[in-house]
């Protein structure tokens, strides 16, 4: 036989093709960016919502600004005084509610304020907040609650 047609032996193992790796990584990044929901606010007050029979669901969530009213959460699962929270900020005095909500109303004219009030909160602070919202011109108010179990 001729040594001219001798088969060479492979000295290295075949490598994994890396040509499509950037495409796969890019698709995974896009997938996780689309499916991930980011939490917007860290709730610093307790809001145990009351139950109600007749509820209406708001379809356009982007028009809603949430306001939390309830006892302040402290360390070791203790509760403090009743506080007001808008977005991530605790509100120190009631007149600042008016200025904050007025600025939000200028940005979004069809703004709906959703009050999430703890069921143990006093009605006096809720009435004071309602008055500040009226002064700011935010007249579309929603009261959040849980559906009543039958």
C-alpha atoms as a PDB file:
ATOM      1  CA  UNK A   1       0.000   0.000   0.000  1.00  0.00           C
ATOM      2  CA  UNK A   2       0.914   3.476  -0.596  1.00  0.00           C
ATOM      3  CA  UNK A   3       1.723   5.813   2.242  1.00  0.00           C
ATOM      4  CA  UNK A   4       0.547   8.668   0.153  1.00  0.00           C
ATOM      5  CA  UNK A   5      -3.091   8.422   1.335  1.00  0.00           C
ATOM      6  CA  UNK A   6      -2.495   8.027   5.035  1.00  0.00           C
ATOM      7  CA  UNK A   7      -5.240   9.226   7.409  1.00  0.00           C
ATOM      8  CA  UNK A   8      -4.128  11.756   9.976  1.00  0.00           C
ATOM      9  CA  UNK A   9      -5.261  11.260  13.532  1.00  0.00           C
ATOM     10  CA  UNK A  10      -6.944  14.101  15.403  1.00  0.00           C
ATOM     11  CA  UNK A  11      -4.794  15.370  18.230  1.00  0.00           C
ATOM     12  CA  UNK A  12      -7.369  17.775  19.730  1.00  0.00           C
ATOM     13  CA  UNK A  13     -11.013  17.344  20.561  1.00  0.00           C
ATOM     14  CA  UNK A  14     -13.542  19.309  18.462  1.00  0.00           C
ATOM     15  CA  UNK A  15     -14.488  22.685  20.006  1.00  0.00           C
ATOM     16  CA  UNK A  16     -18.019  23.952  20.695  1.00  0.00           C
ATOM     17  CA  UNK A  17     -19.157  26.455  18.064  1.00  0.00           C
ATOM     18  CA  UNK A  18     -19.412  29.911  19.656  1.00  0.00           C
ATOM     19  CA  UNK A  19     -20.779  31.857  16.688  1.00  0.00           C
ATOM     20  CA  UNK A  20     -24.386  31.963  17.936  1.00  0.00           C
ATOM     21  CA  UNK A  21     -23.532  32.603  21.605  1.00  0.00           C
ATOM     22  CA  UNK A  22     -23.991  36.441  21.472  1.00  0.00           C
ATOM     23  CA  UNK A  23     -27.410  35.968  19.842  1.00  0.00           C
ATOM     24  CA  UNK A  24     -28.533  33.592  22.569  1.00  0.00           C
ATOM     25  CA  UNK A  25     -27.285  35.881  25.333  1.00  0.00           C
ATOM     26  CA  UNK A  26     -29.000  38.882  23.747  1.00  0.00           C
ATOM     27  CA  UNK A  27     -32.316  36.998  23.500  1.00  0.00           C
ATOM     28  CA  UNK A  28     -32.089  35.941  27.166  1.00  0.00           C
ATOM     29  CA  UNK A  29     -31.401  39.516  28.271  1.00  0.00           C
ATOM     30  CA  UNK A  30     -34.386  40.812  26.286  1.00  0.00           C
ATOM     31  CA  UNK A  31     -36.601  38.027  27.705  1.00  0.00           C
ATOM     32  CA  UNK A  32     -35.737  38.882  31.310  1.00  0.00           C
ATOM     33  CA  UNK A  33     -36.078  42.620  30.717  1.00  0.00           C
ATOM     34  CA  UNK A  34     -39.582  42.139  29.298  1.00  0.00           C
ATOM     35  CA  UNK A  35     -40.851  39.677  31.921  1.00  0.00           C
ATOM     36  CA  UNK A  36     -39.369  41.244  35.057  1.00  0.00           C
ATOM     37  CA  UNK A  37     -41.663  43.446  37.119  1.00  0.00           C
ATOM     38  CA  UNK A  38     -39.884  45.991  39.262  1.00  0.00           C
ATOM     39  CA  UNK A  39     -41.398  47.047  42.549  1.00  0.00           C
ATOM     40  CA  UNK A  40     -41.863  50.786  42.549  1.00  0.00           C
ATOM     41  CA  UNK A  41     -42.444  51.590  46.200  1.00  0.00           C
ATOM     42  CA  UNK A  42     -41.383  50.196  49.528  1.00  0.00           C
ATOM     43  CA  UNK A  43     -44.410  50.415  51.781  1.00  0.00           C
ATOM     44  CA  UNK A  44     -43.423  51.797  55.189  1.00  0.00           C
ATOM     45  CA  UNK A  45     -46.891  51.858  56.744  1.00  0.00           C
ATOM     46  CA  UNK A  46     -49.202  48.963  57.520  1.00  0.00           C
ATOM     47  CA  UNK A  47     -52.335  48.847  55.386  1.00  0.00           C
ATOM     48  CA  UNK A  48     -54.790  46.125  56.272  1.00  0.00           C
ATOM     49  CA  UNK A  49     -57.520  46.917  53.782  1.00  0.00           C
ATOM     50  CA  UNK A  50     -61.175  46.652  54.812  1.00  0.00           C
ATOM     51  CA  UNK A  51     -63.565  44.318  52.979  1.00  0.00           C
ATOM     52  CA  UNK A  52     -66.336  45.538  50.669  1.00  0.00           C
ATOM     53  CA  UNK A  53     -69.163  43.999  48.624  1.00  0.00           C
ATOM     54  CA  UNK A  54     -69.343  46.190  45.516  1.00  0.00           C
ATOM     55  CA  UNK A  55     -65.926  46.742  43.951  1.00  0.00           C
ATOM     56  CA  UNK A  56     -64.916  48.347  40.663  1.00  0.00           C
ATOM     57  CA  UNK A  57     -61.555  47.532  39.150  1.00  0.00           C
ATOM     58  CA  UNK A  58     -59.477  50.326  37.596  1.00  0.00           C
ATOM     59  CA  UNK A  59     -58.307  49.344  34.127  1.00  0.00           C
ATOM     60  CA  UNK A  60     -55.642  51.986  33.532  1.00  0.00           C
ATOM     61  CA  UNK A  61     -53.112  51.502  36.332  1.00  0.00           C
ATOM     62  CA  UNK A  62     -50.740  54.126  34.927  1.00  0.00           C
ATOM     63  CA  UNK A  63     -53.236  56.864  35.839  1.00  0.00           C
ATOM     64  CA  UNK A  64     -53.282  55.796  39.509  1.00  0.00           C
ATOM     65  CA  UNK A  65     -51.185  57.325  42.276  1.00  0.00           C
ATOM     66  CA  UNK A  66     -51.270  55.342  45.524  1.00  0.00           C
ATOM     67  CA  UNK A  67     -51.415  56.997  48.932  1.00  0.00           C
ATOM     68  CA  UNK A  68     -50.975  54.819  52.033  1.00  0.00           C
ATOM     69  CA  UNK A  69     -52.419  55.804  55.413  1.00  0.00           C
ATOM     70  CA  UNK A  70     -51.784  53.638  58.461  1.00  0.00           C
ATOM     71  CA  UNK A  71     -49.516  52.961  61.422  1.00  0.00           C
ATOM     72  CA  UNK A  72     -45.803  53.282  60.705  1.00  0.00           C
ATOM     73  CA  UNK A  73     -43.893  49.983  60.613  1.00  0.00           C
ATOM     74  CA  UNK A  74     -41.082  49.967  63.175  1.00  0.00           C
ATOM     75  CA  UNK A  75     -38.376  47.444  64.004  1.00  0.00           C
ATOM     76  CA  UNK A  76     -39.303  44.120  65.648  1.00  0.00           C
ATOM     77  CA  UNK A  77     -42.802  44.104  64.045  1.00  0.00           C
ATOM     78  CA  UNK A  78     -43.950  47.033  66.177  1.00  0.00           C
ATOM     79  CA  UNK A  79     -46.244  49.779  64.963  1.00  0.00           C
ATOM     80  CA  UNK A  80     -45.889  53.531  65.433  1.00  0.00           C
ATOM     81  CA  UNK A  81     -48.178  56.516  64.959  1.00  0.00           C
ATOM     82  CA  UNK A  82     -50.470  56.873  61.963  1.00  0.00           C
ATOM     83  CA  UNK A  83     -48.489  58.148  58.979  1.00  0.00           C
ATOM     84  CA  UNK A  84     -49.088  59.079  55.354  1.00  0.00           C
ATOM     85  CA  UNK A  85     -46.934  57.730  52.538  1.00  0.00           C
ATOM     86  CA  UNK A  86     -46.942  58.834  48.890  1.00  0.00           C
ATOM     87  CA  UNK A  87     -44.680  56.764  46.655  1.00  0.00           C
ATOM     88  CA  UNK A  88     -41.537  56.093  48.747  1.00  0.00           C
ATOM     89  CA  UNK A  89     -41.749  59.230  50.858  1.00  0.00           C
ATOM     90  CA  UNK A  90     -43.322  59.571  54.279  1.00  0.00           C
ATOM     91  CA  UNK A  91     -45.250  62.825  54.555  1.00  0.00           C
ATOM     92  CA  UNK A  92     -44.463  64.873  57.652  1.00  0.00           C
ATOM     93  CA  UNK A  93     -47.217  67.498  57.452  1.00  0.00           C
ATOM     94  CA  UNK A  94     -50.576  67.652  55.690  1.00  0.00           C
ATOM     95  CA  UNK A  95     -49.964  70.765  53.518  1.00  0.00           C
ATOM     96  CA  UNK A  96     -47.176  68.902  51.699  1.00  0.00           C
ATOM     97  CA  UNK A  97     -49.823  66.385  50.525  1.00  0.00           C
ATOM     98  CA  UNK A  98     -51.475  69.248  48.651  1.00  0.00           C
ATOM     99  CA  UNK A  99     -48.268  70.388  46.921  1.00  0.00           C
ATOM    100  CA  UNK A 100     -47.141  66.870  45.975  1.00  0.00           C
ATOM    101  CA  UNK A 101     -50.511  65.883  44.546  1.00  0.00           C
ATOM    102  CA  UNK A 102     -50.869  69.203  42.703  1.00  0.00           C
ATOM    103  CA  UNK A 103     -47.532  68.592  40.944  1.00  0.00           C
ATOM    104  CA  UNK A 104     -48.634  65.055  40.064  1.00  0.00           C
ATOM    105  CA  UNK A 105     -51.914  66.411  38.706  1.00  0.00           C
ATOM    106  CA  UNK A 106     -50.024  68.829  36.451  1.00  0.00           C
ATOM    107  CA  UNK A 107     -47.998  65.908  35.045  1.00  0.00           C
ATOM    108  CA  UNK A 108     -51.062  63.649  34.623  1.00  0.00           C
ATOM    109  CA  UNK A 109     -54.369  65.577  34.261  1.00  0.00           C
ATOM    110  CA  UNK A 110     -56.483  62.406  34.471  1.00  0.00           C
ATOM    111  CA  UNK A 111     -54.840  61.327  37.743  1.00  0.00           C
ATOM    112  CA  UNK A 112     -56.751  58.997  40.084  1.00  0.00           C
ATOM    113  CA  UNK A 113     -55.653  58.985  43.728  1.00  0.00           C
ATOM    114  CA  UNK A 114     -56.108  55.564  45.305  1.00  0.00           C
ATOM    115  CA  UNK A 115     -56.249  55.746  49.096  1.00  0.00           C
ATOM    116  CA  UNK A 116     -55.091  52.574  50.790  1.00  0.00           C
ATOM    117  CA  UNK A 117     -56.186  53.162  54.355  1.00  0.00           C
ATOM    118  CA  UNK A 118     -55.560  50.735  57.194  1.00  0.00           C
ATOM    119  CA  UNK A 119     -58.854  49.574  58.698  1.00  0.00           C
ATOM    120  CA  UNK A 120     -57.720  50.582  62.195  1.00  0.00           C
ATOM    121  CA  UNK A 121     -56.852  54.184  61.186  1.00  0.00           C
ATOM    122  CA  UNK A 122     -58.920  57.035  62.553  1.00  0.00           C
ATOM    123  CA  UNK A 123     -61.320  58.700  60.146  1.00  0.00           C
ATOM    124  CA  UNK A 124     -60.104  62.172  61.162  1.00  0.00           C
ATOM    125  CA  UNK A 125     -56.790  61.827  59.302  1.00  0.00           C
ATOM    126  CA  UNK A 126     -58.584  60.454  56.242  1.00  0.00           C
ATOM    127  CA  UNK A 127     -60.907  63.482  56.199  1.00  0.00           C
ATOM    128  CA  UNK A 128     -57.897  65.807  56.540  1.00  0.00           C
ATOM    129  CA  UNK A 129     -56.196  64.072  53.583  1.00  0.00           C
ATOM    130  CA  UNK A 130     -59.413  64.339  51.544  1.00  0.00           C
ATOM    131  CA  UNK A 131     -59.537  68.076  52.242  1.00  0.00           C
ATOM    132  CA  UNK A 132     -55.921  68.509  51.097  1.00  0.00           C
ATOM    133  CA  UNK A 133     -56.698  66.546  47.924  1.00  0.00           C
ATOM    134  CA  UNK A 134     -59.672  68.836  47.233  1.00  0.00           C
ATOM    135  CA  UNK A 135     -57.458  71.890  47.689  1.00  0.00           C
ATOM    136  CA  UNK A 136     -54.947  70.394  45.228  1.00  0.00           C
ATOM    137  CA  UNK A 137     -57.706  69.793  42.668  1.00  0.00           C
ATOM    138  CA  UNK A 138     -57.315  66.011  42.621  1.00  0.00           C
ATOM    139  CA  UNK A 139     -60.992  65.155  42.740  1.00  0.00           C
ATOM    140  CA  UNK A 140     -60.834  61.625  41.340  1.00  0.00           C
ATOM    141  CA  UNK A 141     -60.382  59.544  44.508  1.00  0.00           C
ATOM    142  CA  UNK A 142     -60.587  55.772  44.841  1.00  0.00           C
ATOM    143  CA  UNK A 143     -60.719  53.813  48.112  1.00  0.00           C
ATOM    144  CA  UNK A 144     -58.925  50.465  47.916  1.00  0.00           C
ATOM    145  CA  UNK A 145     -60.452  47.438  49.609  1.00  0.00           C
ATOM    146  CA  UNK A 146     -60.488  43.660  49.456  1.00  0.00           C
ATOM    147  CA  UNK A 147     -63.436  41.680  48.131  1.00  0.00           C
ATOM    148  CA  UNK A 148     -65.746  40.386  50.838  1.00  0.00           C
ATOM    149  CA  UNK A 149     -65.707  36.621  51.274  1.00  0.00           C
ATOM    150  CA  UNK A 150     -69.174  35.110  51.065  1.00  0.00           C
END
